[in-house]
Amino acid sequence: MAGVAPRLVLASASPRRVSLLAQVGVECETAPADIDETPVQGESAAAMVERLAIGKASHIAAVRTDDVFVVGGDTTVAVNGQILGKPENHADAERMLGELSGQRHQVISGIAIVAPDSTVVSDVDISSVWMRALSSADISWYLQTGEHHGKAGAYAIQGAASVFVERIEGDYNSIVGLPLAALDRLMSRFGHHLRDFR
């Protein structure tokens, strides 16, 4: 209907993604997508996050009967060609942090939009993070914060792990979990910008 503001649904329950949208004034509904996130054999990190972002957005869009834009996102970490997803347990998180110690790694975020007319657009944003060498005491301290739970690469750059990060190259918001610039660019294909979702 003409004159009616567009509505956005985030196919995620991530408080980080909701917070990133809120910081630019975007109001959204959240609808977590329950899909299989198992990596496909031989799939690159970029292909995986784009596939999952599209899958999440499409899953929610398929059950909506109203005219909304559904946004899906997925983020992972890769170091030396190896994908580091969410740690399975304490020991797995300790292993991941050990692999990131003193290394440059990539944070890869996939983003997808399913429009009201079912058109799908997607993109991948890749940023680099340099982490200083971590001692066993550093890793033990960080794991005690509990921040590693549910985080790709077993850390959150916006939290306590920020003291480990020497520099970044790319989109900070993407590293946190949602590339706002890429999302705004994708939305412009539909004649909208994020500022329209208020």
N, C-alpha and C. Protein backbone atom coordinates (compact mmCIF):
# COMPACT_ATOMS: atom_id res chain seq x y z
N MET A 1 0.86 -1.20 0.00
CA MET A 1 0.00 0.00 0.00
C MET A 1 0.89 1.25 0.00
N ALA A 2 0.59 2.19 -0.85
CA ALA A 2 1.38 3.41 -0.96
C ALA A 2 1.39 4.17 0.35
N GLY A 3 2.54 4.68 0.71
CA GLY A 3 2.64 5.48 1.92
C GLY A 3 2.88 4.69 3.18
N VAL A 4 2.79 3.36 3.11
CA VAL A 4 3.02 2.53 4.28
C VAL A 4 4.50 2.21 4.39
N ALA A 5 5.08 2.44 5.56
CA ALA A 5 6.51 2.19 5.76
C ALA A 5 6.80 0.70 5.62
N PRO A 6 7.92 0.34 4.99
CA PRO A 6 8.27 -1.07 4.86
C PRO A 6 8.62 -1.66 6.22
N ARG A 7 8.49 -2.97 6.33
CA ARG A 7 8.77 -3.66 7.60
C ARG A 7 9.88 -4.67 7.39
N LEU A 8 10.69 -4.83 8.41
CA LEU A 8 11.84 -5.73 8.34
C LEU A 8 11.73 -6.80 9.41
N VAL A 9 12.00 -8.03 9.00
CA VAL A 9 12.05 -9.17 9.92
C VAL A 9 13.46 -9.74 9.88
N LEU A 10 14.08 -9.86 11.02
CA LEU A 10 15.43 -10.42 11.12
C LEU A 10 15.31 -11.90 11.45
N ALA A 11 15.82 -12.74 10.55
CA ALA A 11 15.72 -14.19 10.74
C ALA A 11 16.80 -14.67 11.72
N SER A 12 16.74 -14.12 12.92
CA SER A 12 17.77 -14.40 13.93
C SER A 12 17.27 -13.93 15.28
N ALA A 13 17.78 -14.56 16.32
CA ALA A 13 17.48 -14.10 17.68
C ALA A 13 18.72 -13.45 18.29
N SER A 14 19.74 -13.22 17.45
CA SER A 14 21.00 -12.67 17.95
C SER A 14 20.83 -11.27 18.51
N PRO A 15 21.09 -11.08 19.80
CA PRO A 15 21.00 -9.73 20.36
C PRO A 15 22.02 -8.78 19.75
N ARG A 16 23.14 -9.32 19.26
CA ARG A 16 24.16 -8.48 18.62
C ARG A 16 23.62 -7.89 17.33
N ARG A 17 22.96 -8.72 16.52
CA ARG A 17 22.42 -8.21 15.25
C ARG A 17 21.29 -7.21 15.48
N VAL A 18 20.45 -7.50 16.46
CA VAL A 18 19.36 -6.58 16.79
C VAL A 18 19.93 -5.24 17.25
N SER A 19 20.98 -5.29 18.06
CA SER A 19 21.61 -4.09 18.59
C SER A 19 22.25 -3.27 17.46
N LEU A 20 22.89 -3.94 16.51
CA LEU A 20 23.51 -3.24 15.39
C LEU A 20 22.46 -2.50 14.56
N LEU A 21 21.33 -3.14 14.32
CA LEU A 21 20.25 -2.48 13.58
C LEU A 21 19.69 -1.31 14.38
N ALA A 22 19.55 -1.51 15.68
CA ALA A 22 19.00 -0.45 16.54
C ALA A 22 19.90 0.78 16.57
N GLN A 23 21.22 0.57 16.45
CA GLN A 23 22.14 1.71 16.53
C GLN A 23 22.00 2.65 15.34
N VAL A 24 21.37 2.16 14.25
CA VAL A 24 21.10 3.03 13.11
C VAL A 24 19.60 3.32 13.00
N GLY A 25 18.90 3.07 14.10
CA GLY A 25 17.50 3.43 14.19
C GLY A 25 16.52 2.49 13.53
N VAL A 26 16.98 1.28 13.18
CA VAL A 26 16.10 0.32 12.51
C VAL A 26 15.28 -0.48 13.52
N GLU A 27 13.98 -0.46 13.33
CA GLU A 27 13.09 -1.29 14.13
C GLU A 27 12.82 -2.57 13.36
N CYS A 28 12.94 -3.70 14.03
CA CYS A 28 12.69 -4.97 13.34
C CYS A 28 12.03 -5.97 14.26
N GLU A 29 11.39 -6.91 13.63
CA GLU A 29 10.84 -8.07 14.33
C GLU A 29 11.88 -9.18 14.23
N THR A 30 11.99 -10.03 15.22
CA THR A 30 12.92 -11.16 15.13
C THR A 30 12.14 -12.46 15.02
N ALA A 31 12.65 -13.35 14.16
CA ALA A 31 12.04 -14.65 13.95
C ALA A 31 13.16 -15.64 13.67
N PRO A 32 13.69 -16.27 14.70
CA PRO A 32 14.82 -17.19 14.53
C PRO A 32 14.51 -18.31 13.54
N ALA A 33 15.43 -18.56 12.65
CA ALA A 33 15.27 -19.62 11.64
C ALA A 33 15.99 -20.87 12.11
N ASP A 34 15.28 -21.96 12.18
CA ASP A 34 15.85 -23.23 12.62
C ASP A 34 16.20 -24.05 11.38
N ILE A 35 17.44 -23.91 10.92
CA ILE A 35 17.88 -24.66 9.74
C ILE A 35 19.15 -25.44 10.06
N ASP A 36 19.44 -26.40 9.24
CA ASP A 36 20.66 -27.21 9.40
C ASP A 36 21.86 -26.36 8.98
N GLU A 37 22.77 -26.13 9.91
CA GLU A 37 23.93 -25.30 9.62
C GLU A 37 25.21 -26.11 9.41
N THR A 38 25.05 -27.39 9.13
CA THR A 38 26.21 -28.26 8.91
C THR A 38 26.96 -27.84 7.65
N PRO A 39 28.27 -27.65 7.75
CA PRO A 39 29.05 -27.29 6.56
C PRO A 39 28.99 -28.40 5.51
N VAL A 40 29.04 -28.02 4.24
CA VAL A 40 29.06 -28.97 3.14
C VAL A 40 30.51 -29.30 2.81
N GLN A 41 30.79 -30.56 2.58
CA GLN A 41 32.16 -30.99 2.29
C GLN A 41 32.76 -30.18 1.15
N GLY A 42 33.93 -29.60 1.39
CA GLY A 42 34.63 -28.86 0.36
C GLY A 42 34.13 -27.44 0.14
N GLU A 43 33.14 -27.02 0.90
CA GLU A 43 32.56 -25.69 0.74
C GLU A 43 33.46 -24.63 1.38
N SER A 44 33.65 -23.52 0.68
CA SER A 44 34.45 -22.43 1.24
C SER A 44 33.66 -21.72 2.32
N ALA A 45 34.37 -20.98 3.15
CA ALA A 45 33.70 -20.23 4.23
C ALA A 45 32.73 -19.21 3.64
N ALA A 46 33.13 -18.53 2.56
CA ALA A 46 32.27 -17.52 1.94
C ALA A 46 31.00 -18.15 1.37
N ALA A 47 31.15 -19.28 0.70
CA ALA A 47 29.99 -19.97 0.12
C ALA A 47 29.06 -20.46 1.23
N MET A 48 29.65 -20.93 2.33
CA MET A 48 28.84 -21.44 3.43
C MET A 48 27.98 -20.35 4.07
N VAL A 49 28.60 -19.20 4.41
CA VAL A 49 27.83 -18.16 5.10
C VAL A 49 26.76 -17.56 4.19
N GLU A 50 27.05 -17.48 2.88
CA GLU A 50 26.04 -16.96 1.96
C GLU A 50 24.88 -17.94 1.84
N ARG A 51 25.19 -19.23 1.74
CA ARG A 51 24.15 -20.25 1.67
C ARG A 51 23.27 -20.24 2.92
N LEU A 52 23.90 -20.13 4.08
CA LEU A 52 23.15 -20.14 5.33
C LEU A 52 22.32 -18.87 5.50
N ALA A 53 22.86 -17.73 5.09
CA ALA A 53 22.10 -16.48 5.18
C ALA A 53 20.85 -16.55 4.32
N ILE A 54 21.01 -17.06 3.09
CA ILE A 54 19.86 -17.22 2.20
C ILE A 54 18.88 -18.23 2.78
N GLY A 55 19.41 -19.32 3.33
CA GLY A 55 18.55 -20.35 3.91
C GLY A 55 17.72 -19.84 5.06
N LYS A 56 18.33 -19.06 5.93
CA LYS A 56 17.61 -18.51 7.08
C LYS A 56 16.51 -17.55 6.64
N ALA A 57 16.86 -16.63 5.73
CA ALA A 57 15.88 -15.64 5.27
C ALA A 57 14.74 -16.33 4.52
N SER A 58 15.08 -17.30 3.69
CA SER A 58 14.06 -18.00 2.90
C SER A 58 13.15 -18.83 3.78
N HIS A 59 13.71 -19.42 4.83
CA HIS A 59 12.93 -20.25 5.75
C HIS A 59 11.84 -19.43 6.43
N ILE A 60 12.19 -18.24 6.88
CA ILE A 60 11.21 -17.37 7.54
C ILE A 60 10.24 -16.76 6.53
N ALA A 61 10.76 -16.34 5.37
CA ALA A 61 9.89 -15.74 4.35
C ALA A 61 8.81 -16.72 3.89
N ALA A 62 9.15 -18.01 3.88
CA ALA A 62 8.22 -19.03 3.38
C ALA A 62 6.98 -19.17 4.26
N VAL A 63 7.08 -18.77 5.53
CA VAL A 63 5.93 -18.94 6.44
C VAL A 63 5.23 -17.61 6.73
N ARG A 64 5.70 -16.54 6.10
CA ARG A 64 5.08 -15.24 6.30
C ARG A 64 3.99 -15.01 5.25
N THR A 65 2.91 -14.43 5.67
CA THR A 65 1.83 -14.12 4.72
C THR A 65 1.68 -12.61 4.54
N ASP A 66 2.51 -11.84 5.25
CA ASP A 66 2.45 -10.38 5.14
C ASP A 66 3.61 -9.87 4.30
N ASP A 67 3.54 -8.62 3.88
CA ASP A 67 4.57 -8.03 3.03
C ASP A 67 5.71 -7.47 3.89
N VAL A 68 6.76 -8.25 4.03
CA VAL A 68 7.91 -7.83 4.82
C VAL A 68 9.19 -8.18 4.08
N PHE A 69 10.26 -7.49 4.43
CA PHE A 69 11.59 -7.83 3.96
C PHE A 69 12.22 -8.69 5.04
N VAL A 70 12.66 -9.88 4.68
CA VAL A 70 13.29 -10.77 5.65
C VAL A 70 14.79 -10.78 5.43
N VAL A 71 15.53 -10.52 6.49
CA VAL A 71 16.99 -10.47 6.43
C VAL A 71 17.59 -11.66 7.17
N GLY A 72 18.49 -12.35 6.50
CA GLY A 72 19.20 -13.46 7.13
C GLY A 72 20.68 -13.18 7.15
N GLY A 73 21.36 -13.63 8.17
CA GLY A 73 22.80 -13.41 8.25
C GLY A 73 23.51 -14.60 8.86
N ASP A 74 24.77 -14.77 8.51
CA ASP A 74 25.58 -15.83 9.11
C ASP A 74 27.03 -15.37 9.10
N THR A 75 27.73 -15.64 10.17
CA THR A 75 29.13 -15.20 10.29
C THR A 75 30.00 -16.36 10.77
N THR A 76 31.16 -16.48 10.18
CA THR A 76 32.12 -17.48 10.64
C THR A 76 33.52 -16.90 10.64
N VAL A 77 34.45 -17.65 11.17
CA VAL A 77 35.85 -17.25 11.26
C VAL A 77 36.69 -18.29 10.53
N ALA A 78 37.70 -17.82 9.81
CA ALA A 78 38.60 -18.76 9.13
C ALA A 78 40.04 -18.33 9.36
N VAL A 79 40.89 -19.29 9.66
CA VAL A 79 42.31 -19.02 9.85
C VAL A 79 43.11 -20.09 9.11
N ASN A 80 44.05 -19.64 8.30
CA ASN A 80 44.87 -20.56 7.51
C ASN A 80 44.02 -21.54 6.70
N GLY A 81 42.91 -21.03 6.17
CA GLY A 81 42.04 -21.86 5.33
C GLY A 81 41.10 -22.77 6.09
N GLN A 82 41.15 -22.75 7.40
CA GLN A 82 40.29 -23.61 8.21
C GLN A 82 39.14 -22.82 8.81
N ILE A 83 37.93 -23.33 8.68
CA ILE A 83 36.75 -22.67 9.24
C ILE A 83 36.65 -22.97 10.73
N LEU A 84 36.50 -21.93 11.53
CA LEU A 84 36.28 -22.09 12.97
C LEU A 84 34.86 -21.63 13.27
N GLY A 85 33.97 -22.60 13.47
CA GLY A 85 32.58 -22.27 13.78
C GLY A 85 32.40 -22.02 15.27
N LYS A 86 31.21 -22.32 15.77
CA LYS A 86 30.95 -22.14 17.19
C LYS A 86 31.55 -23.32 17.96
N PRO A 87 32.25 -23.06 19.05
CA PRO A 87 32.89 -24.16 19.79
C PRO A 87 31.87 -25.11 20.41
N GLU A 88 32.21 -26.38 20.39
CA GLU A 88 31.31 -27.39 20.94
C GLU A 88 31.37 -27.45 22.46
N ASN A 89 32.52 -27.10 23.01
CA ASN A 89 32.70 -27.16 24.47
C ASN A 89 33.90 -26.31 24.86
N HIS A 90 34.24 -26.35 26.13
CA HIS A 90 35.35 -25.55 26.67
C HIS A 90 36.67 -25.88 25.97
N ALA A 91 36.94 -27.17 25.80
CA ALA A 91 38.20 -27.60 25.19
C ALA A 91 38.28 -27.15 23.73
N ASP A 92 37.15 -27.18 23.04
CA ASP A 92 37.11 -26.76 21.64
C ASP A 92 37.37 -25.26 21.53
N ALA A 93 36.80 -24.50 22.46
CA ALA A 93 37.02 -23.05 22.48
C ALA A 93 38.49 -22.75 22.77
N GLU A 94 39.08 -23.48 23.68
CA GLU A 94 40.49 -23.30 24.02
C GLU A 94 41.37 -23.58 22.80
N ARG A 95 41.03 -24.62 22.05
CA ARG A 95 41.77 -24.96 20.83
C ARG A 95 41.67 -23.83 19.80
N MET A 96 40.46 -23.31 19.60
CA MET A 96 40.26 -22.25 18.62
C MET A 96 41.06 -21.00 18.96
N LEU A 97 41.02 -20.60 20.22
CA LEU A 97 41.76 -19.40 20.63
C LEU A 97 43.26 -19.61 20.46
N GLY A 98 43.70 -20.83 20.69
CA GLY A 98 45.11 -21.15 20.48
C GLY A 98 45.50 -21.01 19.01
N GLU A 99 44.58 -21.38 18.12
CA GLU A 99 44.85 -21.28 16.68
C GLU A 99 44.83 -19.82 16.20
N LEU A 100 44.03 -18.99 16.86
CA LEU A 100 43.96 -17.58 16.49
C LEU A 100 45.10 -16.76 17.07
N SER A 101 45.72 -17.27 18.12
CA SER A 101 46.80 -16.56 18.82
C SER A 101 47.94 -16.18 17.89
N GLY A 102 48.23 -14.86 17.85
CA GLY A 102 49.33 -14.37 17.05
C GLY A 102 49.12 -14.44 15.55
N GLN A 103 47.88 -14.66 15.14
CA GLN A 103 47.59 -14.84 13.72
C GLN A 103 46.65 -13.77 13.17
N ARG A 104 46.70 -13.59 11.87
CA ARG A 104 45.67 -12.82 11.17
C ARG A 104 44.61 -13.82 10.73
N HIS A 105 43.37 -13.51 11.00
CA HIS A 105 42.30 -14.39 10.54
C HIS A 105 41.22 -13.58 9.84
N GLN A 106 40.35 -14.27 9.16
CA GLN A 106 39.25 -13.61 8.45
C GLN A 106 37.93 -13.86 9.16
N VAL A 107 37.10 -12.83 9.17
CA VAL A 107 35.72 -12.96 9.65
C VAL A 107 34.84 -12.77 8.41
N ILE A 108 34.08 -13.79 8.09
CA ILE A 108 33.29 -13.80 6.86
C ILE A 108 31.80 -13.77 7.22
N SER A 109 31.11 -12.75 6.74
CA SER A 109 29.67 -12.60 7.03
C SER A 109 28.86 -12.66 5.74
N GLY A 110 27.87 -13.54 5.75
CA GLY A 110 26.93 -13.61 4.64
C GLY A 110 25.67 -12.86 5.02
N ILE A 111 25.06 -12.19 4.05
CA ILE A 111 23.84 -11.43 4.29
C ILE A 111 22.89 -11.69 3.13
N ALA A 112 21.61 -11.84 3.43
CA ALA A 112 20.61 -12.09 2.39
C ALA A 112 19.31 -11.37 2.73
N ILE A 113 18.61 -10.95 1.68
CA ILE A 113 17.29 -10.34 1.84
C ILE A 113 16.31 -11.07 0.94
N VAL A 114 15.16 -11.43 1.51
CA VAL A 114 14.05 -11.94 0.71
C VAL A 114 12.98 -10.85 0.74
N ALA A 115 12.68 -10.29 -0.43
CA ALA A 115 11.72 -9.20 -0.55
C ALA A 115 10.28 -9.73 -0.51
N PRO A 116 9.31 -8.82 -0.34
CA PRO A 116 7.90 -9.25 -0.33
C PRO A 116 7.48 -10.03 -1.58
N ASP A 117 8.14 -9.74 -2.73
CA ASP A 117 7.78 -10.46 -3.96
C ASP A 117 8.61 -11.73 -4.15
N SER A 118 9.32 -12.15 -3.08
CA SER A 118 10.14 -13.37 -3.04
C SER A 118 11.48 -13.26 -3.77
N THR A 119 11.82 -12.06 -4.26
CA THR A 119 13.14 -11.86 -4.86
C THR A 119 14.20 -12.01 -3.77
N VAL A 120 15.28 -12.71 -4.09
CA VAL A 120 16.36 -12.93 -3.12
C VAL A 120 17.64 -12.26 -3.62
N VAL A 121 18.26 -11.48 -2.76
CA VAL A 121 19.58 -10.91 -3.06
C VAL A 121 20.50 -11.25 -1.89
N SER A 122 21.79 -11.38 -2.19
CA SER A 122 22.73 -11.75 -1.12
C SER A 122 24.11 -11.21 -1.41
N ASP A 123 24.95 -11.22 -0.38
CA ASP A 123 26.32 -10.73 -0.53
C ASP A 123 27.16 -11.33 0.59
N VAL A 124 28.47 -11.22 0.44
CA VAL A 124 29.41 -11.70 1.46
C VAL A 124 30.40 -10.59 1.77
N ASP A 125 30.65 -10.36 3.04
CA ASP A 125 31.61 -9.35 3.46
C ASP A 125 32.76 -10.05 4.20
N ILE A 126 33.98 -9.73 3.82
CA ILE A 126 35.15 -10.36 4.45
C ILE A 126 36.04 -9.31 5.08
N SER A 127 36.31 -9.47 6.36
CA SER A 127 37.19 -8.56 7.10
C SER A 127 38.34 -9.36 7.69
N SER A 128 39.43 -8.66 8.00
CA SER A 128 40.59 -9.32 8.60
C SER A 128 40.81 -8.80 10.02
N VAL A 129 41.22 -9.70 10.89
CA VAL A 129 41.48 -9.36 12.29
C VAL A 129 42.86 -9.89 12.67
N TRP A 130 43.67 -9.03 13.27
CA TRP A 130 44.99 -9.45 13.78
C TRP A 130 44.89 -9.60 15.29
N MET A 131 45.15 -10.80 15.79
CA MET A 131 45.08 -11.06 17.23
C MET A 131 46.50 -11.25 17.77
N ARG A 132 46.79 -10.61 18.88
CA ARG A 132 48.13 -10.75 19.45
C ARG A 132 48.34 -12.16 19.99
N ALA A 133 49.58 -12.49 20.27
CA ALA A 133 49.89 -13.80 20.83
C ALA A 133 49.24 -13.91 22.21
N LEU A 134 48.55 -15.00 22.44
CA LEU A 134 47.85 -15.21 23.70
C LEU A 134 48.57 -16.23 24.57
N SER A 135 48.72 -15.91 25.84
CA SER A 135 49.30 -16.85 26.79
C SER A 135 48.19 -17.79 27.28
N SER A 136 48.58 -18.85 27.93
CA SER A 136 47.58 -19.77 28.48
C SER A 136 46.73 -19.05 29.52
N ALA A 137 47.34 -18.07 30.24
CA ALA A 137 46.59 -17.30 31.23
C ALA A 137 45.56 -16.40 30.55
N ASP A 138 45.93 -15.83 29.40
CA ASP A 138 44.99 -15.01 28.62
C ASP A 138 43.77 -15.84 28.24
N ILE A 139 44.03 -17.02 27.68
CA ILE A 139 42.94 -17.87 27.20
C ILE A 139 42.07 -18.33 28.35
N SER A 140 42.70 -18.73 29.45
CA SER A 140 41.94 -19.18 30.63
C SER A 140 41.05 -18.06 31.16
N TRP A 141 41.61 -16.86 31.25
CA TRP A 141 40.83 -15.71 31.72
C TRP A 141 39.64 -15.45 30.82
N TYR A 142 39.89 -15.48 29.51
CA TYR A 142 38.80 -15.17 28.59
C TYR A 142 37.69 -16.22 28.65
N LEU A 143 38.07 -17.47 28.72
CA LEU A 143 37.06 -18.53 28.76
C LEU A 143 36.20 -18.42 30.03
N GLN A 144 36.79 -17.89 31.09
CA GLN A 144 36.02 -17.72 32.33
C GLN A 144 34.95 -16.65 32.20
N THR A 145 35.08 -15.76 31.20
CA THR A 145 34.04 -14.74 31.00
C THR A 145 32.77 -15.36 30.41
N GLY A 146 32.91 -16.51 29.77
CA GLY A 146 31.76 -17.17 29.15
C GLY A 146 31.35 -16.58 27.81
N GLU A 147 32.07 -15.56 27.36
CA GLU A 147 31.71 -14.91 26.10
C GLU A 147 31.83 -15.81 24.88
N HIS A 148 32.65 -16.84 25.00
CA HIS A 148 32.91 -17.69 23.85
C HIS A 148 31.73 -18.54 23.42
N HIS A 149 30.77 -18.73 24.33
CA HIS A 149 29.63 -19.59 24.03
C HIS A 149 28.84 -19.06 22.83
N GLY A 150 28.64 -19.91 21.84
CA GLY A 150 27.84 -19.54 20.68
C GLY A 150 28.47 -18.55 19.74
N LYS A 151 29.79 -18.33 19.86
CA LYS A 151 30.48 -17.36 19.01
C LYS A 151 31.42 -18.07 18.04
N ALA A 152 31.32 -17.73 16.77
CA ALA A 152 32.24 -18.28 15.78
C ALA A 152 33.66 -17.89 16.16
N GLY A 153 34.57 -18.85 16.12
CA GLY A 153 35.95 -18.58 16.50
C GLY A 153 36.16 -18.47 17.99
N ALA A 154 35.10 -18.67 18.77
CA ALA A 154 35.14 -18.68 20.24
C ALA A 154 35.47 -17.33 20.86
N TYR A 155 35.13 -16.23 20.15
CA TYR A 155 35.36 -14.93 20.78
C TYR A 155 34.40 -13.89 20.22
N ALA A 156 34.22 -12.81 20.98
CA ALA A 156 33.38 -11.69 20.55
C ALA A 156 34.24 -10.43 20.57
N ILE A 157 34.44 -9.82 19.42
CA ILE A 157 35.32 -8.66 19.34
C ILE A 157 34.80 -7.48 20.14
N GLN A 158 33.47 -7.40 20.31
CA GLN A 158 32.88 -6.26 21.01
C GLN A 158 32.92 -6.43 22.53
N GLY A 159 33.45 -7.56 23.00
CA GLY A 159 33.49 -7.81 24.43
C GLY A 159 34.90 -7.81 24.99
N ALA A 160 35.13 -8.70 25.94
CA ALA A 160 36.43 -8.75 26.61
C ALA A 160 37.58 -9.09 25.66
N ALA A 161 37.28 -9.81 24.59
CA ALA A 161 38.33 -10.19 23.64
C ALA A 161 38.90 -9.00 22.89
N SER A 162 38.29 -7.84 23.03
CA SER A 162 38.81 -6.65 22.35
C SER A 162 40.24 -6.33 22.80
N VAL A 163 40.61 -6.77 24.00
CA VAL A 163 41.98 -6.51 24.47
C VAL A 163 43.00 -7.37 23.74
N PHE A 164 42.55 -8.39 23.00
CA PHE A 164 43.45 -9.26 22.26
C PHE A 164 43.67 -8.78 20.82
N VAL A 165 42.80 -7.89 20.35
CA VAL A 165 42.80 -7.50 18.94
C VAL A 165 43.72 -6.31 18.71
N GLU A 166 44.75 -6.51 17.88
CA GLU A 166 45.72 -5.45 17.59
C GLU A 166 45.23 -4.51 16.51
N ARG A 167 44.57 -5.06 15.48
CA ARG A 167 43.99 -4.20 14.45
C ARG A 167 43.03 -4.99 13.60
N ILE A 168 42.20 -4.27 12.88
CA ILE A 168 41.27 -4.91 11.96
C ILE A 168 41.36 -4.20 10.61
N GLU A 169 40.93 -4.89 9.59
CA GLU A 169 40.84 -4.31 8.25
C GLU A 169 39.50 -4.74 7.69
N GLY A 170 38.61 -3.77 7.49
CA GLY A 170 37.28 -4.12 7.00
C GLY A 170 36.19 -3.47 7.83
N ASP A 171 35.03 -4.10 7.83
CA ASP A 171 33.84 -3.56 8.47
C ASP A 171 33.70 -4.11 9.90
N TYR A 172 33.86 -3.24 10.90
CA TYR A 172 33.74 -3.68 12.30
C TYR A 172 32.38 -4.30 12.57
N ASN A 173 31.32 -3.70 12.03
CA ASN A 173 29.98 -4.23 12.26
C ASN A 173 29.84 -5.65 11.71
N SER A 174 30.49 -5.90 10.60
CA SER A 174 30.47 -7.24 10.01
C SER A 174 31.16 -8.25 10.94
N ILE A 175 32.24 -7.82 11.57
CA ILE A 175 32.95 -8.70 12.50
C ILE A 175 32.07 -9.01 13.71
N VAL A 176 31.30 -8.03 14.15
CA VAL A 176 30.37 -8.26 15.26
C VAL A 176 29.25 -9.21 14.83
N GLY A 177 28.85 -9.14 13.55
CA GLY A 177 27.85 -10.10 13.09
C GLY A 177 26.86 -9.65 12.03
N LEU A 178 26.90 -8.36 11.63
CA LEU A 178 25.96 -7.91 10.61
C LEU A 178 26.57 -6.74 9.83
N PRO A 179 26.95 -6.96 8.57
CA PRO A 179 27.56 -5.89 7.78
C PRO A 179 26.50 -4.87 7.34
N LEU A 180 26.36 -3.82 8.12
CA LEU A 180 25.31 -2.83 7.86
C LEU A 180 25.47 -2.14 6.51
N ALA A 181 26.71 -1.82 6.13
CA ALA A 181 26.93 -1.15 4.84
C ALA A 181 26.50 -2.05 3.69
N ALA A 182 26.86 -3.33 3.76
CA ALA A 182 26.47 -4.28 2.71
C ALA A 182 24.96 -4.47 2.69
N LEU A 183 24.36 -4.51 3.87
CA LEU A 183 22.91 -4.67 3.96
C LEU A 183 22.18 -3.48 3.36
N ASP A 184 22.67 -2.28 3.65
CA ASP A 184 22.05 -1.07 3.11
C ASP A 184 22.18 -1.05 1.57
N ARG A 185 23.34 -1.49 1.09
CA ARG A 185 23.57 -1.57 -0.36
C ARG A 185 22.59 -2.54 -1.01
N LEU A 186 22.41 -3.70 -0.40
CA LEU A 186 21.47 -4.69 -0.93
C LEU A 186 20.04 -4.15 -0.92
N MET A 187 19.68 -3.48 0.16
CA MET A 187 18.31 -2.96 0.28
C MET A 187 18.03 -1.91 -0.78
N SER A 188 19.08 -1.20 -1.21
CA SER A 188 18.88 -0.15 -2.22
C SER A 188 18.42 -0.74 -3.56
N ARG A 189 18.65 -2.03 -3.76
CA ARG A 189 18.18 -2.68 -4.99
C ARG A 189 16.65 -2.72 -5.05
N PHE A 190 16.04 -2.59 -3.88
CA PHE A 190 14.57 -2.58 -3.82
C PHE A 190 14.02 -1.17 -3.65
N GLY A 191 14.91 -0.18 -3.82
CA GLY A 191 14.46 1.20 -3.69
C GLY A 191 14.33 1.68 -2.26
N HIS A 192 14.97 0.97 -1.33
CA HIS A 192 14.91 1.32 0.09
C HIS A 192 16.31 1.45 0.67
N HIS A 193 16.38 2.04 1.85
CA HIS A 193 17.60 2.06 2.66
C HIS A 193 17.20 1.68 4.09
N LEU A 194 18.18 1.32 4.88
CA LEU A 194 17.88 0.93 6.26
C LEU A 194 17.14 2.02 7.02
N ARG A 195 17.43 3.28 6.68
CA ARG A 195 16.77 4.39 7.38
C ARG A 195 15.25 4.39 7.17
N ASP A 196 14.77 3.65 6.18
CA ASP A 196 13.32 3.60 5.93
C ASP A 196 12.58 2.72 6.92
N PHE A 197 13.32 1.84 7.61
CA PHE A 197 12.68 0.88 8.52
C PHE A 197 12.67 1.40 9.94
N ARG A 198 11.74 2.32 10.20
CA ARG A 198 11.65 2.95 11.51
C ARG A 198 10.24 2.87 12.05
